[in-house]
C-alpha atoms as a PDB file:
ATOM      1  CA  UNK A   1     103.017  26.042 120.527  1.00  0.00           C
ATOM      2  CA  UNK A   2      99.880  28.161 120.859  1.00  0.00           C
ATOM      3  CA  UNK A   3     102.067  31.167 121.726  1.00  0.00           C
ATOM      4  CA  UNK A   4     103.988  30.676 118.490  1.00  0.00           C
ATOM      5  CA  UNK A   5     100.756  30.383 116.494  1.00  0.00           C
ATOM      6  CA  UNK A   6      99.379  33.558 118.078  1.00  0.00           C
ATOM      7  CA  UNK A   7     102.582  35.435 117.263  1.00  0.00           C
ATOM      8  CA  UNK A   8     102.480  34.244 113.639  1.00  0.00           C
ATOM      9  CA  UNK A   9      98.794  35.153 113.372  1.00  0.00           C
ATOM     10  CA  UNK A  10      99.469  38.666 114.750  1.00  0.00           C
ATOM     11  CA  UNK A  11     102.397  39.102 112.345  1.00  0.00           C
ATOM     12  CA  UNK A  12     100.185  37.976 109.470  1.00  0.00           C
ATOM     13  CA  UNK A  13      97.535  40.543 110.401  1.00  0.00           C
ATOM     14  CA  UNK A  14     100.106  43.356 110.605  1.00  0.00           C
ATOM     15  CA  UNK A  15     101.855  42.431 107.336  1.00  0.00           C
ATOM     16  CA  UNK A  16      99.680  44.718 105.136  1.00  0.00           C
ATOM     17  CA  UNK A  17     100.603  47.700 107.319  1.00  0.00           C
ATOM     18  CA  UNK A  18     104.299  46.913 106.996  1.00  0.00           C
ATOM     19  CA  UNK A  19     104.026  46.626 103.213  1.00  0.00           C
ATOM     20  CA  UNK A  20     101.955  49.791 102.738  1.00  0.00           C
ATOM     21  CA  UNK A  21     103.699  52.484 100.700  1.00  0.00           C
ATOM     22  CA  UNK A  22     105.541  55.085 102.757  1.00  0.00           C
ATOM     23  CA  UNK A  23     103.309  58.061 103.426  1.00  0.00           C
ATOM     24  CA  UNK A  24     100.096  56.217 102.571  1.00  0.00           C
ATOM     25  CA  UNK A  25      98.679  57.122 105.967  1.00  0.00           C
ATOM     26  CA  UNK A  26      99.978  60.689 105.994  1.00  0.00           C
ATOM     27  CA  UNK A  27      98.105  63.827 105.164  1.00  0.00           C
ATOM     28  CA  UNK A  28      99.545  65.838 102.264  1.00  0.00           C
ATOM     29  CA  UNK A  29     100.693  69.341 103.246  1.00  0.00           C
ATOM     30  CA  UNK A  30     101.374  72.213 100.854  1.00  0.00           C
ATOM     31  CA  UNK A  31     102.437  75.787 101.627  1.00  0.00           C
ATOM     32  CA  UNK A  32     102.090  78.349  98.849  1.00  0.00           C
ATOM     33  CA  UNK A  33     103.931  81.666  98.910  1.00  0.00           C
ATOM     34  CA  UNK A  34     102.552  84.944  97.573  1.00  0.00           C
ATOM     35  CA  UNK A  35     104.835  87.949  97.926  1.00  0.00           C
ATOM     36  CA  UNK A  36     103.961  89.992  94.822  1.00  0.00           C
ATOM     37  CA  UNK A  37     101.146  92.482  94.286  1.00  0.00           C
ATOM     38  CA  UNK A  38     100.276  90.903  90.964  1.00  0.00           C
ATOM     39  CA  UNK A  39      96.729  89.683  90.303  1.00  0.00           C
ATOM     40  CA  UNK A  40      98.034  87.065  87.842  1.00  0.00           C
ATOM     41  CA  UNK A  41     100.308  85.580  90.519  1.00  0.00           C
ATOM     42  CA  UNK A  42      97.548  85.727  93.108  1.00  0.00           C
ATOM     43  CA  UNK A  43      95.245  83.853  90.748  1.00  0.00           C
ATOM     44  CA  UNK A  44      98.032  81.363  90.008  1.00  0.00           C
ATOM     45  CA  UNK A  45      98.381  80.645  93.741  1.00  0.00           C
ATOM     46  CA  UNK A  46      94.624  80.161  94.072  1.00  0.00           C
ATOM     47  CA  UNK A  47      94.556  77.959  90.960  1.00  0.00           C
ATOM     48  CA  UNK A  48      97.318  75.744  92.355  1.00  0.00           C
ATOM     49  CA  UNK A  49      95.491  75.459  95.683  1.00  0.00           C
ATOM     50  CA  UNK A  50      92.203  74.566  93.971  1.00  0.00           C
ATOM     51  CA  UNK A  51      93.842  72.050  91.605  1.00  0.00           C
ATOM     52  CA  UNK A  52      95.835  70.305  94.348  1.00  0.00           C
ATOM     53  CA  UNK A  53      92.797  70.213  96.618  1.00  0.00           C
ATOM     54  CA  UNK A  54      90.643  68.678  93.865  1.00  0.00           C
ATOM     55  CA  UNK A  55      93.332  66.173  92.850  1.00  0.00           C
ATOM     56  CA  UNK A  56      93.695  64.724  96.327  1.00  0.00           C
ATOM     57  CA  UNK A  57      89.983  64.928  97.057  1.00  0.00           C
ATOM     58  CA  UNK A  58      89.241  62.909  93.905  1.00  0.00           C
ATOM     59  CA  UNK A  59      91.727  60.261  95.125  1.00  0.00           C
ATOM     60  CA  UNK A  60      90.128  60.168  98.568  1.00  0.00           C
ATOM     61  CA  UNK A  61      93.259  61.627 100.195  1.00  0.00           C
ATOM     62  CA  UNK A  62      93.459  64.530 102.603  1.00  0.00           C
ATOM     63  CA  UNK A  63      95.461  67.659 101.839  1.00  0.00           C
ATOM     64  CA  UNK A  64      96.074  70.710 103.982  1.00  0.00           C
ATOM     65  CA  UNK A  65      97.080  73.897 102.174  1.00  0.00           C
ATOM     66  CA  UNK A  66      98.365  77.145 103.655  1.00  0.00           C
ATOM     67  CA  UNK A  67      98.770  80.241 101.509  1.00  0.00           C
ATOM     68  CA  UNK A  68     101.314  82.537 103.144  1.00  0.00           C
ATOM     69  CA  UNK A  69     101.102  86.200 102.100  1.00  0.00           C
ATOM     70  CA  UNK A  70     103.841  88.720 102.885  1.00  0.00           C
ATOM     71  CA  UNK A  71     105.470  91.809 101.382  1.00  0.00           C
ATOM     72  CA  UNK A  72     103.371  93.157  98.502  1.00  0.00           C
ATOM     73  CA  UNK A  73     101.560  89.815  98.329  1.00  0.00           C
ATOM     74  CA  UNK A  74      99.656  90.763 101.483  1.00  0.00           C
ATOM     75  CA  UNK A  75      97.440  92.893  99.221  1.00  0.00           C
ATOM     76  CA  UNK A  76      95.828  89.601  98.227  1.00  0.00           C
ATOM     77  CA  UNK A  77      94.301  89.343 101.718  1.00  0.00           C
ATOM     78  CA  UNK A  78      93.177  92.959 102.043  1.00  0.00           C
ATOM     79  CA  UNK A  79      89.421  93.283 102.366  1.00  0.00           C
ATOM     80  CA  UNK A  80      89.523  96.800 100.903  1.00  0.00           C
ATOM     81  CA  UNK A  81      91.440  96.182  97.699  1.00  0.00           C
ATOM     82  CA  UNK A  82      92.222  92.541  97.000  1.00  0.00           C
ATOM     83  CA  UNK A  83      91.927  91.860  93.281  1.00  0.00           C
ATOM     84  CA  UNK A  84      90.842  88.286  94.102  1.00  0.00           C
ATOM     85  CA  UNK A  85      88.309  89.063  96.829  1.00  0.00           C
ATOM     86  CA  UNK A  86      85.475  87.101  95.189  1.00  0.00           C
ATOM     87  CA  UNK A  87      87.660  84.008  94.887  1.00  0.00           C
ATOM     88  CA  UNK A  88      88.776  84.308  98.518  1.00  0.00           C
ATOM     89  CA  UNK A  89      85.137  84.269  99.602  1.00  0.00           C
ATOM     90  CA  UNK A  90      84.458  81.150  97.532  1.00  0.00           C
ATOM     91  CA  UNK A  91      87.506  79.419  99.063  1.00  0.00           C
ATOM     92  CA  UNK A  92      86.152  80.196 102.517  1.00  0.00           C
ATOM     93  CA  UNK A  93      82.865  78.537 101.634  1.00  0.00           C
ATOM     94  CA  UNK A  94      84.056  75.630  99.502  1.00  0.00           C
ATOM     95  CA  UNK A  95      87.567  74.693 100.604  1.00  0.00           C
ATOM     96  CA  UNK A  96      87.978  74.568 104.372  1.00  0.00           C
ATOM     97  CA  UNK A  97      91.306  72.742 103.872  1.00  0.00           C
ATOM     98  CA  UNK A  98      92.867  75.948 102.475  1.00  0.00           C
ATOM     99  CA  UNK A  99      94.059  78.496 105.045  1.00  0.00           C
ATOM    100  CA  UNK A 100      95.351  82.014 104.436  1.00  0.00           C
ATOM    101  CA  UNK A 101      98.226  83.389 106.529  1.00  0.00           C
ATOM    102  CA  UNK A 102      98.900  87.145 106.748  1.00  0.00           C
ATOM    103  CA  UNK A 103     102.342  88.398 107.799  1.00  0.00           C
ATOM    104  CA  UNK A 104     102.111  90.743 110.789  1.00  0.00           C
ATOM    105  CA  UNK A 105     105.482  92.340 109.915  1.00  0.00           C
ATOM    106  CA  UNK A 106     104.094  93.417 106.552  1.00  0.00           C
ATOM    107  CA  UNK A 107     100.801  94.475 108.128  1.00  0.00           C
ATOM    108  CA  UNK A 108     102.696  96.685 110.604  1.00  0.00           C
ATOM    109  CA  UNK A 109     104.665  98.301 107.760  1.00  0.00           C
ATOM    110  CA  UNK A 110     101.459  98.960 105.815  1.00  0.00           C
ATOM    111  CA  UNK A 111      99.877 100.441 108.942  1.00  0.00           C
ATOM    112  CA  UNK A 112     102.811 102.837 109.406  1.00  0.00           C
ATOM    113  CA  UNK A 113     102.741 103.827 105.755  1.00  0.00           C
ATOM    114  CA  UNK A 114      98.960 104.304 105.515  1.00  0.00           C
ATOM    115  CA  UNK A 115      98.337 105.685 109.007  1.00  0.00           C
ATOM    116  CA  UNK A 116      95.812 102.972 109.870  1.00  0.00           C
ATOM    117  CA  UNK A 117      95.730  99.208 109.820  1.00  0.00           C
ATOM    118  CA  UNK A 118      94.409  97.818 106.549  1.00  0.00           C
ATOM    119  CA  UNK A 119      91.423  95.491 106.912  1.00  0.00           C
ATOM    120  CA  UNK A 120      92.024  91.815 106.184  1.00  0.00           C
ATOM    121  CA  UNK A 121      89.554  89.290 104.831  1.00  0.00           C
ATOM    122  CA  UNK A 122      87.947  87.393 107.673  1.00  0.00           C
ATOM    123  CA  UNK A 123      89.428  84.047 106.619  1.00  0.00           C
ATOM    124  CA  UNK A 124      93.003  85.339 107.062  1.00  0.00           C
ATOM    125  CA  UNK A 125      94.992  84.244 110.098  1.00  0.00           C
ATOM    126  CA  UNK A 126      97.806  86.475 111.301  1.00  0.00           C
ATOM    127  CA  UNK A 127     101.287  85.029 111.676  1.00  0.00           C
ATOM    128  CA  UNK A 128     104.239  86.940 113.161  1.00  0.00           C
ATOM    129  CA  UNK A 129     106.375  86.660 110.017  1.00  0.00           C
ATOM    130  CA  UNK A 130     105.508  85.126 106.659  1.00  0.00           C
ATOM    131  CA  UNK A 131     108.999  83.907 105.806  1.00  0.00           C
ATOM    132  CA  UNK A 132     109.460  82.417 109.278  1.00  0.00           C
ATOM    133  CA  UNK A 133     106.141  80.606 108.843  1.00  0.00           C
ATOM    134  CA  UNK A 134     107.385  79.101 105.584  1.00  0.00           C
ATOM    135  CA  UNK A 135     110.686  78.068 107.188  1.00  0.00           C
ATOM    136  CA  UNK A 136     108.878  76.382 110.074  1.00  0.00           C
ATOM    137  CA  UNK A 137     106.405  74.620 107.779  1.00  0.00           C
ATOM    138  CA  UNK A 138     109.335  73.344 105.704  1.00  0.00           C
ATOM    139  CA  UNK A 139     111.042  72.077 108.839  1.00  0.00           C
ATOM    140  CA  UNK A 140     107.849  70.154 109.661  1.00  0.00           C
ATOM    141  CA  UNK A 141     107.905  68.436 106.276  1.00  0.00           C
ATOM    142  CA  UNK A 142     105.510  70.655 104.319  1.00  0.00           C
ATOM    143  CA  UNK A 143     106.119  71.107 100.592  1.00  0.00           C
ATOM    144  CA  UNK A 144     106.680  74.791  99.827  1.00  0.00           C
ATOM    145  CA  UNK A 145     105.904  76.182  96.369  1.00  0.00           C
ATOM    146  CA  UNK A 146     106.024  79.668  94.915  1.00  0.00           C
ATOM    147  CA  UNK A 147     103.871  79.569  91.760  1.00  0.00           C
END
């Protein structure tokens, strides 16, 4: 009988975990795409990242955000001419949960066109291909948004 009581007690202790909403113990993951050389779109991407980060932070939840820049959107991450350079610096300091991904395919094309590799902001991480990165993040369950 004591074995039965122990089993019931263990089941009782685990019941709250079984009834917890799906995803309650998961980290939220958002990938944002920027592929246009448009300061308004770049600011929109940064606004979405900041708003989502604040929303989940206020709830006590974790959120991981990756901003994937490719094609003309890579200009957002250029240290020499990004129209949102000041904001990128503030993200580096204030939002460590937001990462910036720079497409190496686009960087190589810019290098060929300009004759030298453009400098990237120091909080940009290079990825082989921006679109492939988005595909793979989607396959891992990330939510992908293009503001």
